[in-house]
Amino acid sequence: MTVLIPTPLRSYTQQRASVDAEGTTLAEVLHDLDRRYPGIRFRMIDEQDRIRQHIRIFINREPACDLSMPLRPGDEMQILQALSGG
């Protein structure tokens, strides 16, 4: 599956905007991303295994809210990260 990485997280992917990952659920894909790019999952998923407030994940342009969401090999995952500060 293709995963589109937002600019703030590209330091984990050697500045790649798009990477590959495998898994049959959103949780599995995120674990695979973390295996390939250590530390990236923690920036998206909190200690209670929920998507962090400032992160939005889309599968084939549809919002994903549940880590148990089933995925297919040809799906495209896009991660968006809100920026905050003043």
C-alpha atoms as a PDB file:
ATOM      1  CA  MET A   1       0.000   0.000   0.000  1.00  0.00           C
ATOM      2  CA  THR A   2       1.145   3.533  -0.704  1.00  0.00           C
ATOM      3  CA  VAL A   3       1.304   5.868   2.283  1.00  0.00           C
ATOM      4  CA  LEU A   4       1.519   9.634   1.723  1.00  0.00           C
ATOM      5  CA  ILE A   5       3.583  11.272   4.463  1.00  0.00           C
ATOM      6  CA  PRO A   6       3.042  14.897   5.571  1.00  0.00           C
ATOM      7  CA  THR A   7       6.047  17.213   5.614  1.00  0.00           C
ATOM      8  CA  PRO A   8       6.342  17.337   9.452  1.00  0.00           C
ATOM      9  CA  LEU A   9       6.801  13.530   9.584  1.00  0.00           C
ATOM     10  CA  ARG A  10       9.211  13.173   6.672  1.00  0.00           C
ATOM     11  CA  SER A  11      12.236  13.324   8.972  1.00  0.00           C
ATOM     12  CA  TYR A  12      11.287   9.725   9.851  1.00  0.00           C
ATOM     13  CA  THR A  13      11.137   8.614   6.195  1.00  0.00           C
ATOM     14  CA  GLN A  14      14.413  10.154   4.963  1.00  0.00           C
ATOM     15  CA  GLN A  15      12.337  13.043   3.505  1.00  0.00           C
ATOM     16  CA  ARG A  16      10.221  10.730   1.328  1.00  0.00           C
ATOM     17  CA  ALA A  17       6.720  12.029   0.618  1.00  0.00           C
ATOM     18  CA  SER A  18       5.465   8.551  -0.268  1.00  0.00           C
ATOM     19  CA  VAL A  19       6.421   5.179   1.204  1.00  0.00           C
ATOM     20  CA  ASP A  20       5.154   1.607   1.072  1.00  0.00           C
ATOM     21  CA  ALA A  21       3.709  -0.358   3.981  1.00  0.00           C
ATOM     22  CA  GLU A  22       1.901  -3.658   4.460  1.00  0.00           C
ATOM     23  CA  GLY A  23      -0.980  -4.826   6.601  1.00  0.00           C
ATOM     24  CA  THR A  24      -4.600  -5.899   6.504  1.00  0.00           C
ATOM     25  CA  THR A  25      -5.785  -3.305   9.051  1.00  0.00           C
ATOM     26  CA  LEU A  26      -4.864   0.287   9.780  1.00  0.00           C
ATOM     27  CA  ALA A  27      -3.145  -0.851  12.995  1.00  0.00           C
ATOM     28  CA  GLU A  28      -0.993  -3.366  11.087  1.00  0.00           C
ATOM     29  CA  VAL A  29       0.018  -0.786   8.496  1.00  0.00           C
ATOM     30  CA  LEU A  30       1.022   1.662  11.235  1.00  0.00           C
ATOM     31  CA  HIS A  31       3.080  -1.046  12.967  1.00  0.00           C
ATOM     32  CA  ASP A  32       4.769  -1.854   9.642  1.00  0.00           C
ATOM     33  CA  LEU A  33       5.532   1.841   9.121  1.00  0.00           C
ATOM     34  CA  ASP A  34       7.074   1.958  12.589  1.00  0.00           C
ATOM     35  CA  ARG A  35       9.164  -1.138  11.837  1.00  0.00           C
ATOM     36  CA  ARG A  36      10.490   0.521   8.676  1.00  0.00           C
ATOM     37  CA  TYR A  37      10.687   4.056  10.130  1.00  0.00           C
ATOM     38  CA  PRO A  38      11.162   3.780  13.919  1.00  0.00           C
ATOM     39  CA  GLY A  39       9.312   6.369  15.987  1.00  0.00           C
ATOM     40  CA  ILE A  40       6.782   7.451  13.366  1.00  0.00           C
ATOM     41  CA  ARG A  41       3.834   5.571  14.900  1.00  0.00           C
ATOM     42  CA  PHE A  42       4.195   7.370  18.241  1.00  0.00           C
ATOM     43  CA  ARG A  43       3.729  10.698  16.440  1.00  0.00           C
ATOM     44  CA  MET A  44       0.346   9.491  15.140  1.00  0.00           C
ATOM     45  CA  ILE A  45      -1.013   7.134  17.833  1.00  0.00           C
ATOM     46  CA  ASP A  46      -1.282   7.932  21.542  1.00  0.00           C
ATOM     47  CA  GLU A  47      -0.687   5.710  24.579  1.00  0.00           C
ATOM     48  CA  GLN A  48      -4.333   4.558  24.523  1.00  0.00           C
ATOM     49  CA  ASP A  49      -3.965   3.301  20.915  1.00  0.00           C
ATOM     50  CA  ARG A  50      -6.060   6.133  19.482  1.00  0.00           C
ATOM     51  CA  ILE A  51      -5.245   8.439  16.609  1.00  0.00           C
ATOM     52  CA  ARG A  52      -3.840  11.663  18.075  1.00  0.00           C
ATOM     53  CA  GLN A  53      -6.090  14.748  17.945  1.00  0.00           C
ATOM     54  CA  HIS A  54      -3.873  16.621  15.497  1.00  0.00           C
ATOM     55  CA  ILE A  55      -3.609  13.684  13.051  1.00  0.00           C
ATOM     56  CA  ARG A  56      -6.079  12.758  10.327  1.00  0.00           C
ATOM     57  CA  ILE A  57      -5.731   9.557   8.345  1.00  0.00           C
ATOM     58  CA  PHE A  58      -7.554   8.968   5.078  1.00  0.00           C
ATOM     59  CA  ILE A  59      -7.873   5.694   3.195  1.00  0.00           C
ATOM     60  CA  ASN A  60      -8.743   6.221  -0.463  1.00  0.00           C
ATOM     61  CA  ARG A  61      -9.772   9.777   0.487  1.00  0.00           C
ATOM     62  CA  GLU A  62     -12.218   8.555   3.156  1.00  0.00           C
ATOM     63  CA  PRO A  63     -11.545   9.403   6.834  1.00  0.00           C
ATOM     64  CA  ALA A  64     -10.280   6.560   9.000  1.00  0.00           C
ATOM     65  CA  CYS A  65     -11.224   6.732  12.679  1.00  0.00           C
ATOM     66  CA  ASP A  66     -10.649   3.166  13.860  1.00  0.00           C
ATOM     67  CA  LEU A  67      -7.360   1.267  13.949  1.00  0.00           C
ATOM     68  CA  SER A  68      -9.219  -1.984  13.208  1.00  0.00           C
ATOM     69  CA  MET A  69     -10.329  -0.643   9.808  1.00  0.00           C
ATOM     70  CA  PRO A  70      -9.667  -3.341   7.163  1.00  0.00           C
ATOM     71  CA  LEU A  71      -7.357  -2.417   4.271  1.00  0.00           C
ATOM     72  CA  ARG A  72      -6.496  -3.893   0.884  1.00  0.00           C
ATOM     73  CA  PRO A  73      -3.086  -3.993  -0.853  1.00  0.00           C
ATOM     74  CA  GLY A  74      -4.079  -1.412  -3.500  1.00  0.00           C
ATOM     75  CA  ASP A  75      -5.388   1.158  -1.022  1.00  0.00           C
ATOM     76  CA  GLU A  76      -3.785   4.564  -0.600  1.00  0.00           C
ATOM     77  CA  MET A  77      -3.303   6.011   2.854  1.00  0.00           C
ATOM     78  CA  GLN A  78      -2.797   9.715   3.413  1.00  0.00           C
ATOM     79  CA  ILE A  79      -1.679  11.144   6.729  1.00  0.00           C
ATOM     80  CA  LEU A  80      -2.403  14.778   7.507  1.00  0.00           C
ATOM     81  CA  GLN A  81      -0.971  16.599  10.501  1.00  0.00           C
ATOM     82  CA  ALA A  82      -2.357  19.857  11.800  1.00  0.00           C
ATOM     83  CA  LEU A  83       0.185  22.463  12.800  1.00  0.00           C
ATOM     84  CA  SER A  84      -0.287  24.494  15.942  1.00  0.00           C
ATOM     85  CA  GLY A  85       1.447  27.282  17.706  1.00  0.00           C
ATOM     86  CA  GLY A  86       1.400  30.978  17.593  1.00  0.00           C
END
